[in-house]
Amino acid sequence: MSATSISKESLKVIMQNKDTVVSKGDAMTTTENKGIVKVAEVRKSKPSQLTIHANSFLKWLIPPVFGILMLLAIWTLISHQSPNLPGPLKTFHSAVALFSDPFYDHGPNDKGVGWNIIASLKRVALGFGLAALVGIPLGFIIGRFEFVSRMAAPVISLLRPVSPLAWLPIGLLVFKAADPAAIWVIFISAIWPMIINTSVGVSKVPQDYMNVAKVLNLSEWKIVTKILFPFVLPYMMTGVRLSIGVAWLVIVAAEMLTGGVGIGFWVWDEWNNLNVEHIIIAIFVVGIVGLLLELALTQIAKKFSYE
């Protein structure tokens, strides 16, 4: 075999090896490209934060909107069957006209809806505030001392189920005026949730805490402020939240009977005028204000929750 033929054969082998290396390199490059494409596809398929927030918002928004639309549909259907009941569209036009000037004042018996809402909120604030001043300390005492708890149990069980409006004649008899009588009804209705929830919270304080207080020889004031109050605060806020709902519920019925300025009296006055649209508007106003009060106290209660 000549040197020239050896050189050609060697060159052929070298070229084959080169082609093999190049093909392997191409294969590796292709694999890497496929991996990059897959990563890019995964990144492309992953939703952005804006999409996630939009989907969450829609999930939160769609159910209540659907519920309101269903309520309006049922209301429209009933209004077509009952000609005396105004439908949503007619009530909406009346609401626009009513709230265009909510604070007009044409005398003691003809005031705008804004003044009536403010008057009702003032009565609720007074009655609810008095109930808190009496009910919360009383709940601490009932929960702290077993003798007082056993003494108060039959009284609470007897008076708590009484209808709030049953207390109105007693208020009129004692206070000789409608406004204090309405505040009295709110007070006696709102006090029970505060007493019960506060006393339950005090009764659930771990005995180890009280044993430590005895070992440290703490005074009763320090036991209440340093041990009981922080532990009972979530229970107490739950009672406050329930009480404000009861107070706002009762004031409408109380004002219907006592008269004067207030959302309840306004409803009764519109009924005497056969203005059904305004009665429906008042129902929505009462519901919205009650909902706002409930949400505000719920948010405050969450701040003091151990959860």
C-alpha atoms as a PDB file:
ATOM      1  CA  MET A   1       0.000   0.000   0.000  1.00  0.00           C
ATOM      2  CA  SER A   2       1.512   3.295  -1.003  1.00  0.00           C
ATOM      3  CA  ALA A   3       1.934   6.381   1.128  1.00  0.00           C
ATOM      4  CA  THR A   4      -0.508   8.217  -1.044  1.00  0.00           C
ATOM      5  CA  SER A   5      -3.240   5.604  -0.511  1.00  0.00           C
ATOM      6  CA  ILE A   6      -2.630   5.597   3.258  1.00  0.00           C
ATOM      7  CA  SER A   7      -2.938   9.320   3.334  1.00  0.00           C
ATOM      8  CA  LYS A   8      -6.254   9.135   1.416  1.00  0.00           C
ATOM      9  CA  GLU A   9      -7.610   6.455   3.730  1.00  0.00           C
ATOM     10  CA  SER A  10      -6.506   8.407   6.797  1.00  0.00           C
ATOM     11  CA  LEU A  11      -8.105  11.503   5.386  1.00  0.00           C
ATOM     12  CA  LYS A  12     -11.356   9.600   4.763  1.00  0.00           C
ATOM     13  CA  VAL A  13     -11.415   8.320   8.370  1.00  0.00           C
ATOM     14  CA  ILE A  14     -10.726  11.794   9.694  1.00  0.00           C
ATOM     15  CA  MET A  15     -13.571  13.243   7.630  1.00  0.00           C
ATOM     16  CA  GLN A  16     -15.979  10.550   8.867  1.00  0.00           C
ATOM     17  CA  ASN A  17     -15.032  11.252  12.491  1.00  0.00           C
ATOM     18  CA  LYS A  18     -15.499  14.952  11.867  1.00  0.00           C
ATOM     19  CA  ASP A  19     -18.968  14.354  10.449  1.00  0.00           C
ATOM     20  CA  THR A  20     -19.843  12.226  13.495  1.00  0.00           C
ATOM     21  CA  VAL A  21     -18.687  14.955  15.894  1.00  0.00           C
ATOM     22  CA  VAL A  22     -20.582  17.591  13.946  1.00  0.00           C
ATOM     23  CA  SER A  23     -23.778  15.459  13.978  1.00  0.00           C
ATOM     24  CA  LYS A  24     -23.443  14.931  17.735  1.00  0.00           C
ATOM     25  CA  GLY A  25     -22.922  18.636  18.175  1.00  0.00           C
ATOM     26  CA  ASP A  26     -25.976  19.335  16.064  1.00  0.00           C
ATOM     27  CA  ALA A  27     -27.978  16.856  18.139  1.00  0.00           C
ATOM     28  CA  MET A  28     -26.857  18.529  21.376  1.00  0.00           C
ATOM     29  CA  THR A  29     -27.693  21.923  19.979  1.00  0.00           C
ATOM     30  CA  THR A  30     -31.129  20.693  18.913  1.00  0.00           C
ATOM     31  CA  THR A  31     -31.777  19.241  22.404  1.00  0.00           C
ATOM     32  CA  GLU A  32     -30.764  22.490  24.055  1.00  0.00           C
ATOM     33  CA  ASN A  33     -33.011  24.447  21.703  1.00  0.00           C
ATOM     34  CA  LYS A  34     -35.926  22.150  22.529  1.00  0.00           C
ATOM     35  CA  GLY A  35     -35.319  22.731  26.244  1.00  0.00           C
ATOM     36  CA  ILE A  36     -35.248  26.477  25.758  1.00  0.00           C
ATOM     37  CA  VAL A  37     -38.462  26.321  23.727  1.00  0.00           C
ATOM     38  CA  LYS A  38     -40.169  24.253  26.456  1.00  0.00           C
ATOM     39  CA  VAL A  39     -39.104  26.730  29.172  1.00  0.00           C
ATOM     40  CA  ALA A  40     -40.350  29.606  27.033  1.00  0.00           C
ATOM     41  CA  GLU A  41     -43.677  27.807  26.507  1.00  0.00           C
ATOM     42  CA  VAL A  42     -44.047  27.192  30.257  1.00  0.00           C
ATOM     43  CA  ARG A  43     -43.285  30.808  30.984  1.00  0.00           C
ATOM     44  CA  LYS A  44     -45.699  31.875  28.298  1.00  0.00           C
ATOM     45  CA  SER A  45     -48.466  29.595  29.606  1.00  0.00           C
ATOM     46  CA  LYS A  46     -48.059  30.780  33.229  1.00  0.00           C
ATOM     47  CA  PRO A  47     -50.687  33.523  33.922  1.00  0.00           C
ATOM     48  CA  SER A  48     -49.492  36.943  34.935  1.00  0.00           C
ATOM     49  CA  GLN A  49     -50.291  38.594  38.253  1.00  0.00           C
ATOM     50  CA  LEU A  50     -52.762  40.893  36.508  1.00  0.00           C
ATOM     51  CA  THR A  51     -54.651  37.892  35.131  1.00  0.00           C
ATOM     52  CA  ILE A  52     -54.720  36.226  38.547  1.00  0.00           C
ATOM     53  CA  HIS A  53     -56.070  39.373  40.227  1.00  0.00           C
ATOM     54  CA  ALA A  54     -58.639  39.835  37.471  1.00  0.00           C
ATOM     55  CA  ASN A  55     -59.878  36.257  37.852  1.00  0.00           C
ATOM     56  CA  SER A  56     -60.084  36.632  41.643  1.00  0.00           C
ATOM     57  CA  PHE A  57     -62.028  39.874  41.265  1.00  0.00           C
ATOM     58  CA  LEU A  58     -64.481  38.280  38.850  1.00  0.00           C
ATOM     59  CA  LYS A  59     -64.999  35.299  41.168  1.00  0.00           C
ATOM     60  CA  TRP A  60     -65.738  37.746  43.987  1.00  0.00           C
ATOM     61  CA  LEU A  61     -67.985  39.995  41.900  1.00  0.00           C
ATOM     62  CA  ILE A  62     -70.075  37.626  39.779  1.00  0.00           C
ATOM     63  CA  PRO A  63     -72.048  35.771  42.531  1.00  0.00           C
ATOM     64  CA  PRO A  64     -73.417  38.910  44.307  1.00  0.00           C
ATOM     65  CA  VAL A  65     -74.196  40.582  40.979  1.00  0.00           C
ATOM     66  CA  PHE A  66     -76.068  37.454  39.906  1.00  0.00           C
ATOM     67  CA  GLY A  67     -77.980  37.471  43.209  1.00  0.00           C
ATOM     68  CA  ILE A  68     -78.970  41.128  42.806  1.00  0.00           C
ATOM     69  CA  LEU A  69     -80.078  40.555  39.234  1.00  0.00           C
ATOM     70  CA  MET A  70     -82.189  37.604  40.349  1.00  0.00           C
ATOM     71  CA  LEU A  71     -83.776  39.767  43.074  1.00  0.00           C
ATOM     72  CA  LEU A  72     -84.589  42.470  40.512  1.00  0.00           C
ATOM     73  CA  ALA A  73     -86.073  39.879  38.164  1.00  0.00           C
ATOM     74  CA  ILE A  74     -88.330  38.470  40.908  1.00  0.00           C
ATOM     75  CA  TRP A  75     -89.296  41.989  41.967  1.00  0.00           C
ATOM     76  CA  THR A  76     -90.182  42.901  38.358  1.00  0.00           C
ATOM     77  CA  LEU A  77     -92.262  39.747  37.975  1.00  0.00           C
ATOM     78  CA  ILE A  78     -94.197  40.412  41.186  1.00  0.00           C
ATOM     79  CA  SER A  79     -94.760  44.073  40.243  1.00  0.00           C
ATOM     80  CA  HIS A  80     -96.322  42.964  36.939  1.00  0.00           C
ATOM     81  CA  GLN A  81     -98.689  40.670  38.840  1.00  0.00           C
ATOM     82  CA  SER A  82     -99.514  43.347  41.447  1.00  0.00           C
ATOM     83  CA  PRO A  83    -100.189  46.765  39.856  1.00  0.00           C
ATOM     84  CA  ASN A  84     -99.995  48.603  43.202  1.00  0.00           C
ATOM     85  CA  LEU A  85     -96.388  47.530  43.726  1.00  0.00           C
ATOM     86  CA  PRO A  86     -93.914  49.754  41.826  1.00  0.00           C
ATOM     87  CA  GLY A  87     -91.210  48.020  39.845  1.00  0.00           C
ATOM     88  CA  PRO A  88     -87.429  48.551  40.029  1.00  0.00           C
ATOM     89  CA  LEU A  89     -87.311  51.188  37.276  1.00  0.00           C
ATOM     90  CA  LYS A  90     -90.066  53.343  38.780  1.00  0.00           C
ATOM     91  CA  THR A  91     -88.493  53.041  42.236  1.00  0.00           C
ATOM     92  CA  PHE A  92     -85.099  54.008  40.824  1.00  0.00           C
ATOM     93  CA  HIS A  93     -86.492  57.220  39.318  1.00  0.00           C
ATOM     94  CA  SER A  94     -88.121  58.065  42.662  1.00  0.00           C
ATOM     95  CA  ALA A  95     -84.814  57.407  44.454  1.00  0.00           C
ATOM     96  CA  VAL A  96     -82.952  59.754  42.092  1.00  0.00           C
ATOM     97  CA  ALA A  97     -85.489  62.498  42.787  1.00  0.00           C
ATOM     98  CA  LEU A  98     -85.450  61.793  46.525  1.00  0.00           C
ATOM     99  CA  PHE A  99     -81.679  61.844  46.950  1.00  0.00           C
ATOM    100  CA  SER A 100     -81.240  64.906  44.761  1.00  0.00           C
ATOM    101  CA  ASP A 101     -82.114  66.927  47.894  1.00  0.00           C
ATOM    102  CA  PRO A 102     -81.881  64.623  50.947  1.00  0.00           C
ATOM    103  CA  PHE A 103     -81.505  67.427  53.515  1.00  0.00           C
ATOM    104  CA  TYR A 104     -84.459  69.673  52.835  1.00  0.00           C
ATOM    105  CA  ASP A 105     -86.379  70.968  55.862  1.00  0.00           C
ATOM    106  CA  HIS A 106     -90.009  72.029  55.470  1.00  0.00           C
ATOM    107  CA  GLY A 107     -90.975  71.799  59.112  1.00  0.00           C
ATOM    108  CA  PRO A 108     -90.839  69.231  61.945  1.00  0.00           C
ATOM    109  CA  ASN A 109     -92.909  66.646  60.078  1.00  0.00           C
ATOM    110  CA  ASP A 110     -91.462  67.162  56.585  1.00  0.00           C
ATOM    111  CA  LYS A 111     -87.717  66.611  56.476  1.00  0.00           C
ATOM    112  CA  GLY A 112     -85.446  64.989  53.903  1.00  0.00           C
ATOM    113  CA  VAL A 113     -84.388  61.365  54.150  1.00  0.00           C
ATOM    114  CA  GLY A 114     -80.893  62.442  55.188  1.00  0.00           C
ATOM    115  CA  TRP A 115     -82.172  64.113  58.360  1.00  0.00           C
ATOM    116  CA  ASN A 116     -84.251  61.045  59.186  1.00  0.00           C
ATOM    117  CA  ILE A 117     -81.246  58.718  58.841  1.00  0.00           C
ATOM    118  CA  ILE A 118     -79.119  60.992  61.042  1.00  0.00           C
ATOM    119  CA  ALA A 119     -81.850  61.161  63.705  1.00  0.00           C
ATOM    120  CA  SER A 120     -82.123  57.366  63.783  1.00  0.00           C
ATOM    121  CA  LEU A 121     -78.335  56.957  63.976  1.00  0.00           C
ATOM    122  CA  LYS A 122     -78.213  59.370  66.928  1.00  0.00           C
ATOM    123  CA  ARG A 123     -80.801  57.335  68.831  1.00  0.00           C
ATOM    124  CA  VAL A 124     -78.962  54.116  68.018  1.00  0.00           C
ATOM    125  CA  ALA A 125     -75.664  55.617  69.163  1.00  0.00           C
ATOM    126  CA  LEU A 126     -77.139  56.733  72.489  1.00  0.00           C
ATOM    127  CA  GLY A 127     -78.968  53.487  73.223  1.00  0.00           C
ATOM    128  CA  PHE A 128     -76.079  51.337  72.040  1.00  0.00           C
ATOM    129  CA  GLY A 129     -73.532  53.390  73.986  1.00  0.00           C
ATOM    130  CA  LEU A 130     -75.528  53.086  77.206  1.00  0.00           C
ATOM    131  CA  ALA A 131     -75.899  49.347  76.638  1.00  0.00           C
ATOM    132  CA  ALA A 132     -72.126  49.016  76.221  1.00  0.00           C
ATOM    133  CA  LEU A 133     -71.409  51.050  79.377  1.00  0.00           C
ATOM    134  CA  VAL A 134     -73.711  48.810  81.422  1.00  0.00           C
ATOM    135  CA  GLY A 135     -73.544  45.462  79.621  1.00  0.00           C
ATOM    136  CA  ILE A 136     -69.771  44.995  79.265  1.00  0.00           C
ATOM    137  CA  PRO A 137     -68.851  45.621  82.942  1.00  0.00           C
ATOM    138  CA  LEU A 138     -71.853  43.531  84.003  1.00  0.00           C
ATOM    139  CA  GLY A 139     -70.636  40.711  81.755  1.00  0.00           C
ATOM    140  CA  PHE A 140     -67.210  40.833  83.431  1.00  0.00           C
ATOM    141  CA  ILE A 141     -68.808  40.640  86.884  1.00  0.00           C
ATOM    142  CA  ILE A 142     -71.126  37.771  85.920  1.00  0.00           C
ATOM    143  CA  GLY A 143     -68.300  35.781  84.345  1.00  0.00           C
ATOM    144  CA  ARG A 144     -65.859  36.493  87.176  1.00  0.00           C
ATOM    145  CA  PHE A 145     -67.983  35.572  90.194  1.00  0.00           C
ATOM    146  CA  GLU A 146     -69.970  32.341  90.277  1.00  0.00           C
ATOM    147  CA  PHE A 147     -72.506  33.606  92.823  1.00  0.00           C
ATOM    148  CA  VAL A 148     -73.392  36.594  90.634  1.00  0.00           C
ATOM    149  CA  SER A 149     -73.565  34.320  87.575  1.00  0.00           C
ATOM    150  CA  ARG A 150     -76.045  31.976  89.227  1.00  0.00           C
ATOM    151  CA  MET A 151     -78.034  34.934  90.499  1.00  0.00           C
ATOM    152  CA  ALA A 152     -78.239  36.632  87.093  1.00  0.00           C
ATOM    153  CA  ALA A 153     -78.925  33.492  85.034  1.00  0.00           C
ATOM    154  CA  PRO A 154     -82.712  33.285  85.688  1.00  0.00           C
ATOM    155  CA  VAL A 155     -83.154  37.034  85.210  1.00  0.00           C
ATOM    156  CA  ILE A 156     -81.385  36.995  81.833  1.00  0.00           C
ATOM    157  CA  SER A 157     -83.232  33.860  80.740  1.00  0.00           C
ATOM    158  CA  LEU A 158     -86.544  35.500  81.636  1.00  0.00           C
ATOM    159  CA  LEU A 159     -86.018  38.956  80.096  1.00  0.00           C
ATOM    160  CA  ARG A 160     -83.870  38.253  77.036  1.00  0.00           C
ATOM    161  CA  PRO A 161     -86.618  36.571  74.897  1.00  0.00           C
ATOM    162  CA  VAL A 162     -89.059  39.462  75.455  1.00  0.00           C
ATOM    163  CA  SER A 163     -89.903  41.335  72.248  1.00  0.00           C
ATOM    164  CA  PRO A 164     -88.208  44.750  72.102  1.00  0.00           C
ATOM    165  CA  LEU A 165     -91.474  46.551  71.361  1.00  0.00           C
ATOM    166  CA  ALA A 166     -92.989  45.138  74.552  1.00  0.00           C
ATOM    167  CA  TRP A 167     -90.623  47.453  76.451  1.00  0.00           C
ATOM    168  CA  LEU A 168     -91.857  50.567  74.650  1.00  0.00           C
ATOM    169  CA  PRO A 169     -94.935  51.204  76.851  1.00  0.00           C
ATOM    170  CA  ILE A 170     -92.726  50.914  79.950  1.00  0.00           C
ATOM    171  CA  GLY A 171     -90.391  53.535  78.469  1.00  0.00           C
ATOM    172  CA  LEU A 172     -93.258  55.855  77.634  1.00  0.00           C
ATOM    173  CA  LEU A 173     -94.654  55.433  81.157  1.00  0.00           C
ATOM    174  CA  VAL A 174     -91.328  56.106  82.874  1.00  0.00           C
ATOM    175  CA  PHE A 175     -89.804  58.819  80.644  1.00  0.00           C
ATOM    176  CA  LYS A 176     -93.045  60.576  79.585  1.00  0.00           C
ATOM    177  CA  ALA A 177     -91.565  61.262  76.116  1.00  0.00           C
ATOM    178  CA  ALA A 178     -91.187  59.370  72.867  1.00  0.00           C
ATOM    179  CA  ASP A 179     -87.511  60.047  72.189  1.00  0.00           C
ATOM    180  CA  PRO A 180     -86.149  58.668  75.502  1.00  0.00           C
ATOM    181  CA  ALA A 181     -88.573  55.754  75.199  1.00  0.00           C
ATOM    182  CA  ALA A 182     -87.083  54.809  71.806  1.00  0.00           C
ATOM    183  CA  ILE A 183     -83.563  55.021  73.249  1.00  0.00           C
ATOM    184  CA  TRP A 184     -84.689  52.832  76.154  1.00  0.00           C
ATOM    185  CA  VAL A 185     -85.965  50.177  73.729  1.00  0.00           C
ATOM    186  CA  ILE A 186     -82.601  50.168  71.930  1.00  0.00           C
ATOM    187  CA  PHE A 187     -80.767  49.919  75.254  1.00  0.00           C
ATOM    188  CA  ILE A 188     -82.754  46.976  76.584  1.00  0.00           C
ATOM    189  CA  SER A 189     -82.515  45.145  73.244  1.00  0.00           C
ATOM    190  CA  ALA A 190     -78.788  45.662  72.672  1.00  0.00           C
ATOM    191  CA  ILE A 191     -77.564  44.903  76.175  1.00  0.00           C
ATOM    192  CA  TRP A 192     -78.094  41.112  76.169  1.00  0.00           C
ATOM    193  CA  PRO A 193     -75.541  40.083  73.494  1.00  0.00           C
ATOM    194  CA  MET A 194     -72.877  42.156  75.262  1.00  0.00           C
ATOM    195  CA  ILE A 195     -73.594  40.651  78.667  1.00  0.00           C
ATOM    196  CA  ILE A 196     -73.735  37.071  77.409  1.00  0.00           C
ATOM    197  CA  ASN A 197     -70.682  37.158  75.138  1.00  0.00           C
ATOM    198  CA  THR A 198     -68.527  39.020  77.660  1.00  0.00           C
ATOM    199  CA  SER A 199     -69.450  36.681  80.516  1.00  0.00           C
ATOM    200  CA  VAL A 200     -68.784  33.614  78.340  1.00  0.00           C
ATOM    201  CA  GLY A 201     -65.371  35.012  77.433  1.00  0.00           C
ATOM    202  CA  VAL A 202     -64.487  35.580  81.090  1.00  0.00           C
ATOM    203  CA  SER A 203     -65.600  32.065  82.017  1.00  0.00           C
ATOM    204  CA  LYS A 204     -63.294  30.605  79.337  1.00  0.00           C
ATOM    205  CA  VAL A 205     -60.119  32.213  80.686  1.00  0.00           C
ATOM    206  CA  PRO A 206     -57.669  29.327  81.430  1.00  0.00           C
ATOM    207  CA  GLN A 207     -57.392  28.479  85.102  1.00  0.00           C
ATOM    208  CA  ASP A 208     -53.596  28.590  84.828  1.00  0.00           C
ATOM    209  CA  TYR A 209     -53.805  32.323  84.222  1.00  0.00           C
ATOM    210  CA  MET A 210     -55.821  32.797  87.404  1.00  0.00           C
ATOM    211  CA  ASN A 211     -53.417  30.593  89.369  1.00  0.00           C
ATOM    212  CA  VAL A 212     -50.514  32.769  88.261  1.00  0.00           C
ATOM    213  CA  ALA A 213     -52.476  35.847  89.360  1.00  0.00           C
ATOM    214  CA  LYS A 214     -52.944  34.297  92.808  1.00  0.00           C
ATOM    215  CA  VAL A 215     -49.250  33.425  93.077  1.00  0.00           C
ATOM    216  CA  LEU A 216     -48.283  36.971  92.131  1.00  0.00           C
ATOM    217  CA  ASN A 217     -50.947  38.331  94.505  1.00  0.00           C
ATOM    218  CA  LEU A 218     -52.382  40.628  91.831  1.00  0.00           C
ATOM    219  CA  SER A 219     -55.167  43.027  92.711  1.00  0.00           C
ATOM    220  CA  GLU A 220     -58.601  42.623  91.149  1.00  0.00           C
ATOM    221  CA  TRP A 221     -57.993  45.669  88.937  1.00  0.00           C
ATOM    222  CA  LYS A 222     -54.765  44.173  87.551  1.00  0.00           C
ATOM    223  CA  ILE A 223     -56.466  40.805  87.009  1.00  0.00           C
ATOM    224  CA  VAL A 224     -59.157  42.525  84.938  1.00  0.00           C
ATOM    225  CA  THR A 225     -56.824  44.801  82.953  1.00  0.00           C
ATOM    226  CA  LYS A 226     -53.821  42.482  82.493  1.00  0.00           C
ATOM    227  CA  ILE A 227     -55.433  39.030  82.208  1.00  0.00           C
ATOM    228  CA  LEU A 228     -59.185  39.115  81.609  1.00  0.00           C
ATOM    229  CA  PHE A 229     -59.524  42.062  79.254  1.00  0.00           C
ATOM    230  CA  PRO A 230     -56.962  40.922  76.608  1.00  0.00           C
ATOM    231  CA  PHE A 231     -58.397  37.401  76.580  1.00  0.00           C
ATOM    232  CA  VAL A 232     -62.075  38.466  76.560  1.00  0.00           C
ATOM    233  CA  LEU A 233     -61.706  41.200  73.942  1.00  0.00           C
ATOM    234  CA  PRO A 234     -62.605  38.994  70.894  1.00  0.00           C
ATOM    235  CA  TYR A 235     -65.714  37.678  72.694  1.00  0.00           C
ATOM    236  CA  MET A 236     -66.651  41.210  73.702  1.00  0.00           C
ATOM    237  CA  MET A 237     -66.303  42.518  70.136  1.00  0.00           C
ATOM    238  CA  THR A 238     -68.560  39.729  68.881  1.00  0.00           C
ATOM    239  CA  GLY A 239     -71.204  40.840  71.370  1.00  0.00           C
ATOM    240  CA  VAL A 240     -70.792  44.454  70.263  1.00  0.00           C
ATOM    241  CA  ARG A 241     -71.203  43.458  66.611  1.00  0.00           C
ATOM    242  CA  LEU A 242     -74.387  41.510  67.359  1.00  0.00           C
ATOM    243  CA  SER A 243     -75.761  44.339  69.494  1.00  0.00           C
ATOM    244  CA  ILE A 244     -75.405  47.002  66.810  1.00  0.00           C
ATOM    245  CA  GLY A 245     -77.376  44.829  64.409  1.00  0.00           C
ATOM    246  CA  VAL A 246     -80.156  44.400  66.959  1.00  0.00           C
ATOM    247  CA  ALA A 247     -80.160  48.125  67.768  1.00  0.00           C
ATOM    248  CA  TRP A 248     -80.535  49.166  64.141  1.00  0.00           C
ATOM    249  CA  LEU A 249     -83.220  46.546  63.630  1.00  0.00           C
ATOM    250  CA  VAL A 250     -85.262  47.765  66.597  1.00  0.00           C
ATOM    251  CA  ILE A 251     -85.069  51.506  65.943  1.00  0.00           C
ATOM    252  CA  VAL A 252     -87.223  51.321  62.795  1.00  0.00           C
ATOM    253  CA  ALA A 253     -90.082  49.602  64.609  1.00  0.00           C
ATOM    254  CA  ALA A 254     -89.755  51.860  67.656  1.00  0.00           C
ATOM    255  CA  GLU A 255     -89.868  55.044  65.570  1.00  0.00           C
ATOM    256  CA  MET A 256     -92.966  53.835  63.754  1.00  0.00           C
ATOM    257  CA  LEU A 257     -94.788  53.878  67.084  1.00  0.00           C
ATOM    258  CA  THR A 258     -93.186  56.926  68.720  1.00  0.00           C
ATOM    259  CA  GLY A 259     -93.221  59.329  65.752  1.00  0.00           C
ATOM    260  CA  GLY A 260     -90.955  62.336  65.314  1.00  0.00           C
ATOM    261  CA  VAL A 261     -87.969  62.470  62.992  1.00  0.00           C
ATOM    262  CA  GLY A 262     -86.389  59.138  62.059  1.00  0.00           C
ATOM    263  CA  ILE A 263     -86.276  56.534  59.333  1.00  0.00           C
ATOM    264  CA  GLY A 264     -89.021  54.465  61.003  1.00  0.00           C
ATOM    265  CA  PHE A 265     -91.361  57.441  61.290  1.00  0.00           C
ATOM    266  CA  TRP A 266     -90.552  58.365  57.674  1.00  0.00           C
ATOM    267  CA  VAL A 267     -91.606  54.884  56.519  1.00  0.00           C
ATOM    268  CA  TRP A 268     -94.883  55.155  58.418  1.00  0.00           C
ATOM    269  CA  ASP A 269     -95.516  58.672  57.138  1.00  0.00           C
ATOM    270  CA  GLU A 270     -94.938  57.568  53.527  1.00  0.00           C
ATOM    271  CA  TRP A 271     -97.360  54.702  54.055  1.00  0.00           C
ATOM    272  CA  ASN A 272    -100.013  57.172  55.212  1.00  0.00           C
ATOM    273  CA  ASN A 273     -99.336  59.123  52.010  1.00  0.00           C
ATOM    274  CA  LEU A 274     -99.548  55.864  49.989  1.00  0.00           C
ATOM    275  CA  ASN A 275     -96.086  56.546  48.565  1.00  0.00           C
ATOM    276  CA  VAL A 276     -94.975  52.942  48.116  1.00  0.00           C
ATOM    277  CA  GLU A 277     -91.845  53.867  46.154  1.00  0.00           C
ATOM    278  CA  HIS A 278     -90.437  55.725  49.150  1.00  0.00           C
ATOM    279  CA  ILE A 279     -91.231  52.791  51.430  1.00  0.00           C
ATOM    280  CA  ILE A 280     -89.208  50.471  49.191  1.00  0.00           C
ATOM    281  CA  ILE A 281     -86.393  53.035  49.105  1.00  0.00           C
ATOM    282  CA  ALA A 282     -86.463  53.182  52.901  1.00  0.00           C
ATOM    283  CA  ILE A 283     -86.152  49.387  53.063  1.00  0.00           C
ATOM    284  CA  PHE A 284     -83.004  49.539  50.928  1.00  0.00           C
ATOM    285  CA  VAL A 285     -81.638  52.465  52.970  1.00  0.00           C
ATOM    286  CA  VAL A 286     -82.159  50.585  56.237  1.00  0.00           C
ATOM    287  CA  GLY A 287     -80.498  47.497  54.781  1.00  0.00           C
ATOM    288  CA  ILE A 288     -77.492  49.399  53.401  1.00  0.00           C
ATOM    289  CA  VAL A 289     -76.882  51.345  56.611  1.00  0.00           C
ATOM    290  CA  GLY A 290     -77.198  48.177  58.697  1.00  0.00           C
ATOM    291  CA  LEU A 291     -74.789  46.389  56.358  1.00  0.00           C
ATOM    292  CA  LEU A 292     -72.226  49.193  56.648  1.00  0.00           C
ATOM    293  CA  LEU A 293     -72.448  49.166  60.443  1.00  0.00           C
ATOM    294  CA  GLU A 294     -72.048  45.390  60.469  1.00  0.00           C
ATOM    295  CA  LEU A 295     -69.034  45.473  58.122  1.00  0.00           C
ATOM    296  CA  ALA A 296     -67.336  48.219  60.127  1.00  0.00           C
ATOM    297  CA  LEU A 297     -67.651  46.332  63.406  1.00  0.00           C
ATOM    298  CA  THR A 298     -66.665  43.050  61.728  1.00  0.00           C
ATOM    299  CA  GLN A 299     -63.415  44.614  60.557  1.00  0.00           C
ATOM    300  CA  ILE A 300     -62.762  45.976  64.050  1.00  0.00           C
ATOM    301  CA  ALA A 301     -63.505  42.574  65.575  1.00  0.00           C
ATOM    302  CA  LYS A 302     -61.007  40.888  63.214  1.00  0.00           C
ATOM    303  CA  LYS A 303     -58.256  43.129  64.575  1.00  0.00           C
ATOM    304  CA  PHE A 304     -58.787  41.595  68.022  1.00  0.00           C
ATOM    305  CA  SER A 305     -59.226  37.968  66.932  1.00  0.00           C
ATOM    306  CA  TYR A 306     -56.668  35.393  68.048  1.00  0.00           C
ATOM    307  CA  GLU A 307     -57.101  33.593  64.744  1.00  0.00           C
END
